[in-house]
Each structure stands twice: as C-alpha cells, then as structure tokens.
PDB file of N, CA and C in Angstrom:
ATOM      1  N   UNK A   1     -13.721 -25.374 -59.389  1.00  0.00           N
ATOM      2  CA  UNK A   1     -14.630 -24.375 -58.861  1.00  0.00           C
ATOM      3  C   UNK A   1     -16.061 -24.825 -59.120  1.00  0.00           C
ATOM      4  N   UNK A   2     -16.900 -24.525 -58.163  1.00  0.00           N
ATOM      5  CA  UNK A   2     -18.311 -24.863 -58.311  1.00  0.00           C
ATOM      6  C   UNK A   2     -18.924 -24.077 -59.469  1.00  0.00           C
ATOM      7  N   UNK A   3     -19.855 -24.720 -60.164  1.00  0.00           N
ATOM      8  CA  UNK A   3     -20.564 -24.065 -61.266  1.00  0.00           C
ATOM      9  C   UNK A   3     -22.014 -23.887 -60.860  1.00  0.00           C
ATOM     10  N   UNK A   4     -22.644 -22.882 -61.433  1.00  0.00           N
ATOM     11  CA  UNK A   4     -24.027 -22.562 -61.117  1.00  0.00           C
ATOM     12  C   UNK A   4     -24.872 -22.786 -62.358  1.00  0.00           C
ATOM     13  N   UNK A   5     -25.889 -23.627 -62.242  1.00  0.00           N
ATOM     14  CA  UNK A   5     -26.792 -23.890 -63.355  1.00  0.00           C
ATOM     15  C   UNK A   5     -27.858 -22.808 -63.453  1.00  0.00           C
ATOM     16  N   UNK A   6     -28.130 -22.385 -64.654  1.00  0.00           N
ATOM     17  CA  UNK A   6     -29.146 -21.366 -64.909  1.00  0.00           C
ATOM     18  C   UNK A   6     -30.153 -21.891 -65.918  1.00  0.00           C
ATOM     19  N   UNK A   7     -31.360 -21.395 -65.819  1.00  0.00           N
ATOM     20  CA  UNK A   7     -32.411 -21.722 -66.786  1.00  0.00           C
ATOM     21  C   UNK A   7     -32.603 -23.231 -66.913  1.00  0.00           C
ATOM     22  N   UNK A   8     -32.740 -23.897 -65.786  1.00  0.00           N
ATOM     23  CA  UNK A   8     -32.896 -25.350 -65.803  1.00  0.00           C
ATOM     24  C   UNK A   8     -34.200 -25.790 -66.458  1.00  0.00           C
ATOM     25  N   UNK A   9     -35.142 -24.884 -66.615  1.00  0.00           N
ATOM     26  CA  UNK A   9     -36.406 -25.220 -67.263  1.00  0.00           C
ATOM     27  C   UNK A   9     -36.294 -25.263 -68.791  1.00  0.00           C
ATOM     28  N   UNK A  10     -35.180 -24.786 -69.332  1.00  0.00           N
ATOM     29  CA  UNK A  10     -34.981 -24.799 -70.782  1.00  0.00           C
ATOM     30  C   UNK A  10     -34.526 -26.168 -71.249  1.00  0.00           C
ATOM     31  N   UNK A  11     -34.763 -26.461 -72.506  1.00  0.00           N
ATOM     32  CA  UNK A  11     -34.307 -27.736 -73.055  1.00  0.00           C
ATOM     33  C   UNK A  11     -32.788 -27.799 -73.136  1.00  0.00           C
ATOM     34  N   UNK A  12     -32.122 -26.644 -73.171  1.00  0.00           N
ATOM     35  CA  UNK A  12     -30.664 -26.595 -73.224  1.00  0.00           C
ATOM     36  C   UNK A  12     -30.168 -25.640 -72.128  1.00  0.00           C
ATOM     37  N   UNK A  13     -30.220 -26.075 -70.847  1.00  0.00           N
ATOM     38  CA  UNK A  13     -29.769 -25.189 -69.763  1.00  0.00           C
ATOM     39  C   UNK A  13     -28.273 -24.921 -69.855  1.00  0.00           C
ATOM     40  N   UNK A  14     -27.813 -23.914 -69.166  1.00  0.00           N
ATOM     41  CA  UNK A  14     -26.395 -23.584 -69.210  1.00  0.00           C
ATOM     42  C   UNK A  14     -25.880 -23.307 -67.811  1.00  0.00           C
ATOM     43  N   UNK A  15     -24.555 -23.299 -67.681  1.00  0.00           N
ATOM     44  CA  UNK A  15     -23.904 -23.078 -66.402  1.00  0.00           C
ATOM     45  C   UNK A  15     -22.876 -21.954 -66.519  1.00  0.00           C
ATOM     46  N   UNK A  16     -22.618 -21.312 -65.381  1.00  0.00           N
ATOM     47  CA  UNK A  16     -21.571 -20.299 -65.272  1.00  0.00           C
ATOM     48  C   UNK A  16     -20.664 -20.681 -64.108  1.00  0.00           C
ATOM     49  N   UNK A  17     -19.432 -20.189 -64.135  1.00  0.00           N
ATOM     50  CA  UNK A  17     -18.577 -20.390 -62.976  1.00  0.00           C
ATOM     51  C   UNK A  17     -19.132 -19.556 -61.821  1.00  0.00           C
ATOM     52  N   UNK A  18     -18.867 -19.997 -60.593  1.00  0.00           N
ATOM     53  CA  UNK A  18     -19.393 -19.299 -59.427  1.00  0.00           C
ATOM     54  C   UNK A  18     -18.835 -17.880 -59.327  1.00  0.00           C
ATOM     55  N   UNK A  19     -17.622 -17.671 -59.793  1.00  0.00           N
ATOM     56  CA  UNK A  19     -17.021 -16.336 -59.837  1.00  0.00           C
ATOM     57  C   UNK A  19     -16.980 -15.888 -61.301  1.00  0.00           C
ATOM     58  N   UNK A  20     -17.364 -14.638 -61.536  1.00  0.00           N
ATOM     59  CA  UNK A  20     -17.340 -14.058 -62.877  1.00  0.00           C
ATOM     60  C   UNK A  20     -16.238 -12.999 -62.921  1.00  0.00           C
ATOM     61  N   UNK A  21     -15.367 -13.091 -63.923  1.00  0.00           N
ATOM     62  CA  UNK A  21     -14.283 -12.123 -64.071  1.00  0.00           C
ATOM     63  C   UNK A  21     -14.808 -10.894 -64.809  1.00  0.00           C
ATOM     64  N   UNK A  22     -14.772  -9.746 -64.150  1.00  0.00           N
ATOM     65  CA  UNK A  22     -15.216  -8.494 -64.759  1.00  0.00           C
ATOM     66  C   UNK A  22     -14.113  -7.879 -65.605  1.00  0.00           C
ATOM     67  N   UNK A  23     -14.419  -7.565 -66.848  1.00  0.00           N
ATOM     68  CA  UNK A  23     -13.422  -7.049 -67.783  1.00  0.00           C
ATOM     69  C   UNK A  23     -13.503  -5.527 -67.936  1.00  0.00           C
ATOM     70  N   UNK A  24     -14.181  -4.854 -67.020  1.00  0.00           N
ATOM     71  CA  UNK A  24     -14.409  -3.427 -67.094  1.00  0.00           C
ATOM     72  C   UNK A  24     -13.114  -2.637 -67.220  1.00  0.00           C
ATOM     73  N   UNK A  25     -12.058  -3.050 -66.549  1.00  0.00           N
ATOM     74  CA  UNK A  25     -10.814  -2.284 -66.515  1.00  0.00           C
ATOM     75  C   UNK A  25      -9.724  -2.875 -67.414  1.00  0.00           C
ATOM     76  N   UNK A  26     -10.077  -3.765 -68.307  1.00  0.00           N
ATOM     77  CA  UNK A  26      -9.106  -4.454 -69.154  1.00  0.00           C
ATOM     78  C   UNK A  26      -8.194  -3.489 -69.910  1.00  0.00           C
ATOM     79  N   UNK A  27      -8.730  -2.400 -70.390  1.00  0.00           N
ATOM     80  CA  UNK A  27      -7.943  -1.443 -71.182  1.00  0.00           C
ATOM     81  C   UNK A  27      -7.137  -0.481 -70.319  1.00  0.00           C
ATOM     82  N   UNK A  28      -7.262  -0.570 -68.997  1.00  0.00           N
ATOM     83  CA  UNK A  28      -6.488   0.294 -68.109  1.00  0.00           C
ATOM     84  C   UNK A  28      -5.054  -0.192 -67.919  1.00  0.00           C
ATOM     85  N   UNK A  29      -4.771  -1.445 -68.250  1.00  0.00           N
ATOM     86  CA  UNK A  29      -3.412  -1.982 -68.119  1.00  0.00           C
ATOM     87  C   UNK A  29      -2.467  -1.280 -69.079  1.00  0.00           C
ATOM     88  N   UNK A  30      -1.216  -1.169 -68.675  1.00  0.00           N
ATOM     89  CA  UNK A  30      -0.202  -0.629 -69.592  1.00  0.00           C
ATOM     90  C   UNK A  30      -0.038  -1.544 -70.800  1.00  0.00           C
ATOM     91  N   UNK A  31      -0.131  -2.843 -70.571  1.00  0.00           N
ATOM     92  CA  UNK A  31       0.009  -3.837 -71.641  1.00  0.00           C
ATOM     93  C   UNK A  31      -1.372  -4.371 -72.007  1.00  0.00           C
ATOM     94  N   UNK A  32      -1.871  -3.962 -73.150  1.00  0.00           N
ATOM     95  CA  UNK A  32      -3.175  -4.455 -73.629  1.00  0.00           C
ATOM     96  C   UNK A  32      -2.995  -5.345 -74.855  1.00  0.00           C
ATOM     97  N   UNK A  33      -1.818  -5.901 -75.003  1.00  0.00           N
ATOM     98  CA  UNK A  33      -1.542  -6.762 -76.150  1.00  0.00           C
ATOM     99  C   UNK A  33      -2.399  -8.029 -76.078  1.00  0.00           C
ATOM    100  N   UNK A  34      -2.664  -8.643 -77.229  1.00  0.00           N
ATOM    101  CA  UNK A  34      -3.417  -9.899 -77.226  1.00  0.00           C
ATOM    102  C   UNK A  34      -2.785 -10.956 -76.326  1.00  0.00           C
ATOM    103  N   UNK A  35      -1.464 -11.021 -76.287  1.00  0.00           N
ATOM    104  CA  UNK A  35      -0.786 -12.018 -75.446  1.00  0.00           C
ATOM    105  C   UNK A  35      -1.056 -11.768 -73.960  1.00  0.00           C
ATOM    106  N   UNK A  36      -1.087 -10.500 -73.550  1.00  0.00           N
ATOM    107  CA  UNK A  36      -1.345 -10.170 -72.144  1.00  0.00           C
ATOM    108  C   UNK A  36      -2.797 -10.492 -71.777  1.00  0.00           C
ATOM    109  N   UNK A  37      -3.724 -10.138 -72.654  1.00  0.00           N
ATOM    110  CA  UNK A  37      -5.136 -10.448 -72.407  1.00  0.00           C
ATOM    111  C   UNK A  37      -5.318 -11.964 -72.371  1.00  0.00           C
ATOM    112  N   UNK A  38      -4.686 -12.669 -73.281  1.00  0.00           N
ATOM    113  CA  UNK A  38      -4.735 -14.126 -73.306  1.00  0.00           C
ATOM    114  C   UNK A  38      -4.227 -14.691 -71.979  1.00  0.00           C
ATOM    115  N   UNK A  39      -3.137 -14.156 -71.455  1.00  0.00           N
ATOM    116  CA  UNK A  39      -2.580 -14.645 -70.184  1.00  0.00           C
ATOM    117  C   UNK A  39      -3.573 -14.450 -69.039  1.00  0.00           C
ATOM    118  N   UNK A  40      -4.291 -13.328 -69.036  1.00  0.00           N
ATOM    119  CA  UNK A  40      -5.316 -13.095 -68.008  1.00  0.00           C
ATOM    120  C   UNK A  40      -6.427 -14.129 -68.110  1.00  0.00           C
ATOM    121  N   UNK A  41      -6.888 -14.366 -69.337  1.00  0.00           N
ATOM    122  CA  UNK A  41      -7.955 -15.339 -69.542  1.00  0.00           C
ATOM    123  C   UNK A  41      -7.496 -16.726 -69.102  1.00  0.00           C
ATOM    124  N   UNK A  42      -6.303 -17.111 -69.499  1.00  0.00           N
ATOM    125  CA  UNK A  42      -5.787 -18.430 -69.128  1.00  0.00           C
ATOM    126  C   UNK A  42      -5.614 -18.564 -67.622  1.00  0.00           C
ATOM    127  N   UNK A  43      -5.180 -17.502 -66.940  1.00  0.00           N
ATOM    128  CA  UNK A  43      -5.048 -17.540 -65.483  1.00  0.00           C
ATOM    129  C   UNK A  43      -6.414 -17.768 -64.828  1.00  0.00           C
ATOM    130  N   UNK A  44      -7.428 -17.119 -65.355  1.00  0.00           N
ATOM    131  CA  UNK A  44      -8.786 -17.327 -64.840  1.00  0.00           C
ATOM    132  C   UNK A  44      -9.229 -18.770 -65.063  1.00  0.00           C
ATOM    133  N   UNK A  45      -9.090 -19.236 -66.287  1.00  0.00           N
ATOM    134  CA  UNK A  45      -9.528 -20.590 -66.625  1.00  0.00           C
ATOM    135  C   UNK A  45      -8.794 -21.626 -65.775  1.00  0.00           C
ATOM    136  N   UNK A  46      -7.506 -21.415 -65.536  1.00  0.00           N
ATOM    137  CA  UNK A  46      -6.729 -22.338 -64.698  1.00  0.00           C
ATOM    138  C   UNK A  46      -7.294 -22.428 -63.279  1.00  0.00           C
ATOM    139  N   UNK A  47      -7.955 -21.365 -62.825  1.00  0.00           N
ATOM    140  CA  UNK A  47      -8.553 -21.352 -61.483  1.00  0.00           C
ATOM    141  C   UNK A  47     -10.029 -21.737 -61.498  1.00  0.00           C
ATOM    142  N   UNK A  48     -10.555 -22.093 -62.670  1.00  0.00           N
ATOM    143  CA  UNK A  48     -11.955 -22.493 -62.774  1.00  0.00           C
ATOM    144  C   UNK A  48     -12.909 -21.364 -63.072  1.00  0.00           C
ATOM    145  N   UNK A  49     -12.377 -20.163 -63.284  1.00  0.00           N
ATOM    146  CA  UNK A  49     -13.224 -19.015 -63.644  1.00  0.00           C
ATOM    147  C   UNK A  49     -13.374 -19.031 -65.160  1.00  0.00           C
ATOM    148  N   UNK A  50     -14.554 -19.382 -65.613  1.00  0.00           N
ATOM    149  CA  UNK A  50     -14.796 -19.495 -67.057  1.00  0.00           C
ATOM    150  C   UNK A  50     -15.814 -18.483 -67.563  1.00  0.00           C
ATOM    151  N   UNK A  51     -16.402 -17.705 -66.656  1.00  0.00           N
ATOM    152  CA  UNK A  51     -17.416 -16.724 -67.033  1.00  0.00           C
ATOM    153  C   UNK A  51     -16.811 -15.328 -66.974  1.00  0.00           C
ATOM    154  N   UNK A  52     -17.054 -14.533 -68.027  1.00  0.00           N
ATOM    155  CA  UNK A  52     -16.431 -13.224 -68.180  1.00  0.00           C
ATOM    156  C   UNK A  52     -17.505 -12.178 -68.473  1.00  0.00           C
ATOM    157  N   UNK A  53     -17.489 -11.101 -67.689  1.00  0.00           N
ATOM    158  CA  UNK A  53     -18.441 -10.002 -67.845  1.00  0.00           C
ATOM    159  C   UNK A  53     -17.853  -8.947 -68.772  1.00  0.00           C
ATOM    160  N   UNK A  54     -18.633  -8.529 -69.754  1.00  0.00           N
ATOM    161  CA  UNK A  54     -18.178  -7.592 -70.776  1.00  0.00           C
ATOM    162  C   UNK A  54     -19.333  -6.650 -71.121  1.00  0.00           C
ATOM    163  N   UNK A  55     -19.007  -5.479 -71.625  1.00  0.00           N
ATOM    164  CA  UNK A  55     -20.021  -4.538 -72.121  1.00  0.00           C
ATOM    165  C   UNK A  55     -19.365  -3.619 -73.133  1.00  0.00           C
ATOM    166  N   UNK A  56     -20.152  -3.124 -74.059  1.00  0.00           N
ATOM    167  CA  UNK A  56     -19.586  -2.273 -75.110  1.00  0.00           C
ATOM    168  C   UNK A  56     -18.995  -0.986 -74.560  1.00  0.00           C
ATOM    169  N   UNK A  57     -19.500  -0.466 -73.439  1.00  0.00           N
ATOM    170  CA  UNK A  57     -19.019   0.821 -72.914  1.00  0.00           C
ATOM    171  C   UNK A  57     -17.763   0.706 -72.060  1.00  0.00           C
ATOM    172  N   UNK A  58     -17.376  -0.502 -71.690  1.00  0.00           N
ATOM    173  CA  UNK A  58     -16.258  -0.655 -70.759  1.00  0.00           C
ATOM    174  C   UNK A  58     -14.995   0.017 -71.275  1.00  0.00           C
ATOM    175  N   UNK A  59     -14.403   0.791 -70.402  1.00  0.00           N
ATOM    176  CA  UNK A  59     -13.138   1.499 -70.629  1.00  0.00           C
ATOM    177  C   UNK A  59     -13.164   2.313 -71.932  1.00  0.00           C
ATOM    178  N   UNK A  60     -14.172   3.142 -72.036  1.00  0.00           N
ATOM    179  CA  UNK A  60     -14.263   4.022 -73.202  1.00  0.00           C
ATOM    180  C   UNK A  60     -14.481   3.276 -74.509  1.00  0.00           C
ATOM    181  N   UNK A  61     -15.278   2.232 -74.451  1.00  0.00           N
ATOM    182  CA  UNK A  61     -15.623   1.430 -75.634  1.00  0.00           C
ATOM    183  C   UNK A  61     -14.426   0.660 -76.203  1.00  0.00           C
ATOM    184  N   UNK A  62     -13.471   0.282 -75.358  1.00  0.00           N
ATOM    185  CA  UNK A  62     -12.274  -0.402 -75.857  1.00  0.00           C
ATOM    186  C   UNK A  62     -12.190  -1.875 -75.474  1.00  0.00           C
ATOM    187  N   UNK A  63     -12.834  -2.290 -74.390  1.00  0.00           N
ATOM    188  CA  UNK A  63     -12.608  -3.632 -73.852  1.00  0.00           C
ATOM    189  C   UNK A  63     -13.111  -4.760 -74.758  1.00  0.00           C
ATOM    190  N   UNK A  64     -14.249  -4.594 -75.393  1.00  0.00           N
ATOM    191  CA  UNK A  64     -14.729  -5.658 -76.284  1.00  0.00           C
ATOM    192  C   UNK A  64     -13.751  -5.894 -77.427  1.00  0.00           C
ATOM    193  N   UNK A  65     -13.199  -4.825 -77.961  1.00  0.00           N
ATOM    194  CA  UNK A  65     -12.236  -4.973 -79.052  1.00  0.00           C
ATOM    195  C   UNK A  65     -10.975  -5.692 -78.572  1.00  0.00           C
ATOM    196  N   UNK A  66     -10.496  -5.360 -77.377  1.00  0.00           N
ATOM    197  CA  UNK A  66      -9.313  -6.043 -76.836  1.00  0.00           C
ATOM    198  C   UNK A  66      -9.581  -7.532 -76.647  1.00  0.00           C
ATOM    199  N   UNK A  67     -10.743  -7.859 -76.114  1.00  0.00           N
ATOM    200  CA  UNK A  67     -11.096  -9.268 -75.933  1.00  0.00           C
ATOM    201  C   UNK A  67     -11.201  -9.967 -77.287  1.00  0.00           C
ATOM    202  N   UNK A  68     -11.870  -9.351 -78.230  1.00  0.00           N
ATOM    203  CA  UNK A  68     -12.024  -9.950 -79.555  1.00  0.00           C
ATOM    204  C   UNK A  68     -10.699 -10.180 -80.254  1.00  0.00           C
ATOM    205  N   UNK A  69      -9.785  -9.239 -80.129  1.00  0.00           N
ATOM    206  CA  UNK A  69      -8.468  -9.383 -80.743  1.00  0.00           C
ATOM    207  C   UNK A  69      -7.697 -10.535 -80.107  1.00  0.00           C
ATOM    208  N   UNK A  70      -7.779 -10.636 -78.784  1.00  0.00           N
ATOM    209  CA  UNK A  70      -7.090 -11.738 -78.096  1.00  0.00           C
ATOM    210  C   UNK A  70      -7.687 -13.086 -78.489  1.00  0.00           C
ATOM    211  N   UNK A  71      -9.003 -13.165 -78.595  1.00  0.00           N
ATOM    212  CA  UNK A  71      -9.632 -14.435 -78.963  1.00  0.00           C
ATOM    213  C   UNK A  71      -9.373 -14.795 -80.425  1.00  0.00           C
ATOM    214  N   UNK A  72      -9.246 -13.800 -81.271  1.00  0.00           N
ATOM    215  CA  UNK A  72      -8.900 -14.071 -82.668  1.00  0.00           C
ATOM    216  C   UNK A  72      -7.500 -14.672 -82.755  1.00  0.00           C
ATOM    217  N   UNK A  73      -6.589 -14.207 -81.907  1.00  0.00           N
ATOM    218  CA  UNK A  73      -5.218 -14.726 -81.899  1.00  0.00           C
ATOM    219  C   UNK A  73      -5.125 -16.111 -81.257  1.00  0.00           C
ATOM    220  N   UNK A  74      -6.057 -16.417 -80.360  1.00  0.00           N
ATOM    221  CA  UNK A  74      -6.050 -17.710 -79.664  1.00  0.00           C
ATOM    222  C   UNK A  74      -7.479 -18.276 -79.625  1.00  0.00           C
ATOM    223  N   UNK A  75      -7.996 -18.689 -80.765  1.00  0.00           N
ATOM    224  CA  UNK A  75      -9.401 -19.093 -80.838  1.00  0.00           C
ATOM    225  C   UNK A  75      -9.773 -20.292 -79.964  1.00  0.00           C
ATOM    226  N   UNK A  76      -8.810 -21.099 -79.565  1.00  0.00           N
ATOM    227  CA  UNK A  76      -9.127 -22.263 -78.727  1.00  0.00           C
ATOM    228  C   UNK A  76      -9.666 -21.851 -77.348  1.00  0.00           C
ATOM    229  N   UNK A  77      -9.378 -20.633 -76.908  1.00  0.00           N
ATOM    230  CA  UNK A  77      -9.860 -20.187 -75.600  1.00  0.00           C
ATOM    231  C   UNK A  77     -11.368 -19.965 -75.582  1.00  0.00           C
ATOM    232  N   UNK A  78     -11.932 -19.567 -76.705  1.00  0.00           N
ATOM    233  CA  UNK A  78     -13.362 -19.220 -76.743  1.00  0.00           C
ATOM    234  C   UNK A  78     -14.243 -20.370 -76.286  1.00  0.00           C
ATOM    235  N   UNK A  79     -13.899 -21.597 -76.630  1.00  0.00           N
ATOM    236  CA  UNK A  79     -14.731 -22.742 -76.256  1.00  0.00           C
ATOM    237  C   UNK A  79     -14.673 -23.042 -74.762  1.00  0.00           C
ATOM    238  N   UNK A  80     -13.777 -22.404 -74.040  1.00  0.00           N
ATOM    239  CA  UNK A  80     -13.631 -22.616 -72.603  1.00  0.00           C
ATOM    240  C   UNK A  80     -14.288 -21.500 -71.785  1.00  0.00           C
ATOM    241  N   UNK A  81     -14.955 -20.569 -72.460  1.00  0.00           N
ATOM    242  CA  UNK A  81     -15.470 -19.368 -71.813  1.00  0.00           C
ATOM    243  C   UNK A  81     -16.971 -19.201 -72.004  1.00  0.00           C
ATOM    244  N   UNK A  82     -17.593 -18.546 -71.017  1.00  0.00           N
ATOM    245  CA  UNK A  82     -18.941 -18.014 -71.168  1.00  0.00           C
ATOM    246  C   UNK A  82     -18.793 -16.496 -71.079  1.00  0.00           C
ATOM    247  N   UNK A  83     -19.241 -15.782 -72.097  1.00  0.00           N
ATOM    248  CA  UNK A  83     -19.122 -14.324 -72.119  1.00  0.00           C
ATOM    249  C   UNK A  83     -20.505 -13.734 -71.909  1.00  0.00           C
ATOM    250  N   UNK A  84     -20.620 -12.922 -70.867  1.00  0.00           N
ATOM    251  CA  UNK A  84     -21.864 -12.233 -70.549  1.00  0.00           C
ATOM    252  C   UNK A  84     -21.655 -10.775 -70.939  1.00  0.00           C
ATOM    253  N   UNK A  85     -22.521 -10.228 -71.776  1.00  0.00           N
ATOM    254  CA  UNK A  85     -22.323  -8.849 -72.226  1.00  0.00           C
ATOM    255  C   UNK A  85     -23.644  -8.100 -72.275  1.00  0.00           C
ATOM    256  N   UNK A  86     -23.540  -6.807 -72.360  1.00  0.00           N
ATOM    257  CA  UNK A  86     -24.711  -5.943 -72.468  1.00  0.00           C
ATOM    258  C   UNK A  86     -24.359  -4.725 -73.309  1.00  0.00           C
ATOM    259  N   UNK A  87     -25.408  -4.029 -73.833  1.00  0.00           N
ATOM    260  CA  UNK A  87     -25.067  -3.000 -74.826  1.00  0.00           C
ATOM    261  C   UNK A  87     -26.104  -1.898 -74.987  1.00  0.00           C
ATOM    262  N   UNK A  88     -26.769  -1.460 -73.943  1.00  0.00           N
ATOM    263  CA  UNK A  88     -27.805  -0.445 -74.179  1.00  0.00           C
ATOM    264  C   UNK A  88     -27.476   0.959 -73.675  1.00  0.00           C
ATOM    265  N   UNK A  89     -26.360   1.133 -72.983  1.00  0.00           N
ATOM    266  CA  UNK A  89     -26.024   2.449 -72.434  1.00  0.00           C
ATOM    267  C   UNK A  89     -25.204   3.236 -73.456  1.00  0.00           C
ATOM    268  N   UNK A  90     -25.599   4.448 -73.726  1.00  0.00           N
ATOM    269  CA  UNK A  90     -24.849   5.331 -74.620  1.00  0.00           C
ATOM    270  C   UNK A  90     -24.287   6.463 -73.778  1.00  0.00           C
ATOM    271  N   UNK A  91     -22.979   6.507 -73.693  1.00  0.00           N
ATOM    272  CA  UNK A  91     -22.299   7.489 -72.856  1.00  0.00           C
ATOM    273  C   UNK A  91     -21.857   8.719 -73.632  1.00  0.00           C
ATOM    274  N   UNK A  92     -21.674   9.795 -72.906  1.00  0.00           N
ATOM    275  CA  UNK A  92     -21.058  10.988 -73.471  1.00  0.00           C
ATOM    276  C   UNK A  92     -19.554  10.772 -73.425  1.00  0.00           C
ATOM    277  N   UNK A  93     -18.813  11.568 -74.137  1.00  0.00           N
ATOM    278  CA  UNK A  93     -17.364  11.462 -74.062  1.00  0.00           C
ATOM    279  C   UNK A  93     -16.691  11.825 -75.366  1.00  0.00           C
ATOM    280  N   UNK A  94     -15.370  11.659 -75.381  1.00  0.00           N
ATOM    281  CA  UNK A  94     -14.577  12.044 -76.550  1.00  0.00           C
ATOM    282  C   UNK A  94     -14.954  11.268 -77.798  1.00  0.00           C
ATOM    283  N   UNK A  95     -15.313   9.995 -77.644  1.00  0.00           N
ATOM    284  CA  UNK A  95     -15.644   9.179 -78.807  1.00  0.00           C
ATOM    285  C   UNK A  95     -16.955   9.627 -79.451  1.00  0.00           C
ATOM    286  N   UNK A  96     -17.868  10.179 -78.648  1.00  0.00           N
ATOM    287  CA  UNK A  96     -19.176  10.603 -79.151  1.00  0.00           C
ATOM    288  C   UNK A  96     -19.461  12.041 -78.691  1.00  0.00           C
ATOM    289  N   UNK A  97     -18.786  13.034 -79.262  1.00  0.00           N
ATOM    290  CA  UNK A  97     -18.953  14.417 -78.800  1.00  0.00           C
ATOM    291  C   UNK A  97     -20.351  14.992 -79.054  1.00  0.00           C
ATOM    292  N   UNK A  98     -21.120  14.391 -79.946  1.00  0.00           N
ATOM    293  CA  UNK A  98     -22.455  14.897 -80.244  1.00  0.00           C
ATOM    294  C   UNK A  98     -23.466  14.569 -79.141  1.00  0.00           C
ATOM    295  N   UNK A  99     -23.147  13.635 -78.267  1.00  0.00           N
ATOM    296  CA  UNK A  99     -24.069  13.272 -77.183  1.00  0.00           C
ATOM    297  C   UNK A  99     -23.960  14.294 -76.061  1.00  0.00           C
ATOM    298  N   UNK A 100     -25.123  14.753 -75.613  1.00  0.00           N
ATOM    299  CA  UNK A 100     -25.149  15.753 -74.550  1.00  0.00           C
ATOM    300  C   UNK A 100     -25.539  15.160 -73.206  1.00  0.00           C
ATOM    301  N   UNK A 101     -26.024  13.920 -73.205  1.00  0.00           N
ATOM    302  CA  UNK A 101     -26.350  13.242 -71.964  1.00  0.00           C
ATOM    303  C   UNK A 101     -26.316  11.737 -72.172  1.00  0.00           C
ATOM    304  N   UNK A 102     -26.151  11.017 -71.072  1.00  0.00           N
ATOM    305  CA  UNK A 102     -26.174   9.557 -71.129  1.00  0.00           C
ATOM    306  C   UNK A 102     -27.619   9.117 -71.331  1.00  0.00           C
ATOM    307  N   UNK A 103     -27.821   8.120 -72.179  1.00  0.00           N
ATOM    308  CA  UNK A 103     -29.167   7.589 -72.363  1.00  0.00           C
ATOM    309  C   UNK A 103     -29.075   6.118 -72.743  1.00  0.00           C
ATOM    310  N   UNK A 104     -30.221   5.478 -72.849  1.00  0.00           N
ATOM    311  CA  UNK A 104     -30.297   4.050 -73.122  1.00  0.00           C
ATOM    312  C   UNK A 104     -30.986   3.818 -74.461  1.00  0.00           C
ATOM    313  N   UNK A 105     -30.496   2.858 -75.214  1.00  0.00           N
ATOM    314  CA  UNK A 105     -31.056   2.529 -76.522  1.00  0.00           C
ATOM    315  C   UNK A 105     -31.072   1.015 -76.674  1.00  0.00           C
ATOM    316  N   UNK A 106     -32.256   0.437 -76.639  1.00  0.00           N
ATOM    317  CA  UNK A 106     -32.377  -1.018 -76.780  1.00  0.00           C
ATOM    318  C   UNK A 106     -32.881  -1.415 -78.169  1.00  0.00           C
ATOM    319  N   UNK A 107     -32.757  -0.511 -79.118  1.00  0.00           N
ATOM    320  CA  UNK A 107     -33.226  -0.808 -80.470  1.00  0.00           C
ATOM    321  C   UNK A 107     -32.305  -1.811 -81.156  1.00  0.00           C
ATOM    322  N   UNK A 108     -32.860  -2.558 -82.090  1.00  0.00           N
ATOM    323  CA  UNK A 108     -32.065  -3.516 -82.863  1.00  0.00           C
ATOM    324  C   UNK A 108     -30.956  -2.809 -83.637  1.00  0.00           C
ATOM    325  N   UNK A 109     -31.246  -1.600 -84.113  1.00  0.00           N
ATOM    326  CA  UNK A 109     -30.241  -0.839 -84.858  1.00  0.00           C
ATOM    327  C   UNK A 109     -29.014  -0.540 -83.990  1.00  0.00           C
ATOM    328  N   UNK A 110     -29.238  -0.116 -82.763  1.00  0.00           N
ATOM    329  CA  UNK A 110     -28.107   0.158 -81.868  1.00  0.00           C
ATOM    330  C   UNK A 110     -27.341  -1.116 -81.523  1.00  0.00           C
ATOM    331  N   UNK A 111     -28.057  -2.167 -81.203  1.00  0.00           N
ATOM    332  CA  UNK A 111     -27.418  -3.420 -80.801  1.00  0.00           C
ATOM    333  C   UNK A 111     -26.556  -3.970 -81.936  1.00  0.00           C
ATOM    334  N   UNK A 112     -26.996  -3.812 -83.172  1.00  0.00           N
ATOM    335  CA  UNK A 112     -26.255  -4.327 -84.322  1.00  0.00           C
ATOM    336  C   UNK A 112     -25.123  -3.391 -84.775  1.00  0.00           C
ATOM    337  N   UNK A 113     -25.095  -2.152 -84.260  1.00  0.00           N
ATOM    338  CA  UNK A 113     -24.087  -1.188 -84.681  1.00  0.00           C
ATOM    339  C   UNK A 113     -22.696  -1.613 -84.240  1.00  0.00           C
ATOM    340  N   UNK A 114     -21.703  -1.352 -85.085  1.00  0.00           N
ATOM    341  CA  UNK A 114     -20.317  -1.753 -84.791  1.00  0.00           C
ATOM    342  C   UNK A 114     -19.709  -0.880 -83.712  1.00  0.00           C
ATOM    343  N   UNK A 115     -19.931   0.434 -83.757  1.00  0.00           N
ATOM    344  CA  UNK A 115     -19.234   1.338 -82.838  1.00  0.00           C
ATOM    345  C   UNK A 115     -20.071   1.779 -81.644  1.00  0.00           C
ATOM    346  N   UNK A 116     -21.200   1.140 -81.399  1.00  0.00           N
ATOM    347  CA  UNK A 116     -22.000   1.493 -80.221  1.00  0.00           C
ATOM    348  C   UNK A 116     -22.789   2.726 -80.488  1.00  0.00           C
TER     349      UNK A 116
END
C-alpha cells in the first residue's frame, strides 16, 4: 500500500499508510479479547494498513484499554503500527455522571489523567 509522508520539513519526518483504520467501534464487537483485537490488527497490517485512529472517548472510554491490552499481549505488533490519538473531549454518560454537558479540556492535567 502506498504511504504518505508527513512533516517533510522536520529532521525526522514520518509516514502513515494511505488508509487509516478507525478503532471507534472496537468495543462494539461481541469478542473484545486481546486475541481478537490482535487478529484485527494483523489483518490490517497484512494489507498494508499500519496507521490506526484512536481516542480516549471511543466506545464509552473503552477502546484505548482494549488496544493497550492487546498490544501488551503481543508487543511485537507495536513496532509495525502508527497510532494517531486525541484526548480533549469530555463526554457526559454513565462513566461520568457528574458532567452535565460535553466540553473540551486541553490542560496537561486532563491529558495526563488515567481515566479521562
């Protein structure tokens, strides 16, 4: 698969696969085991898709943990991937009942927080 170069003006430019696999619905599968997530990642890599989109809010704040657990079980996959992530949206919901509206937080404290 064709790769796309980014930030060519930097001393250490980087590339992404032309197609990025979105992990937004990763936790919607009936099987969210590390082996199943690993199989998805390997299927992507076999097709040349090495870039993966992730965010802390995906699927009720569960997708990053699923990805991390799968990579912990199969650490050799991490070196074959580019992970693109973001973390400034704070959603309402069951996990955070004290929130009354969605808002954005780009503070270092929020970014470093474990549970979003």
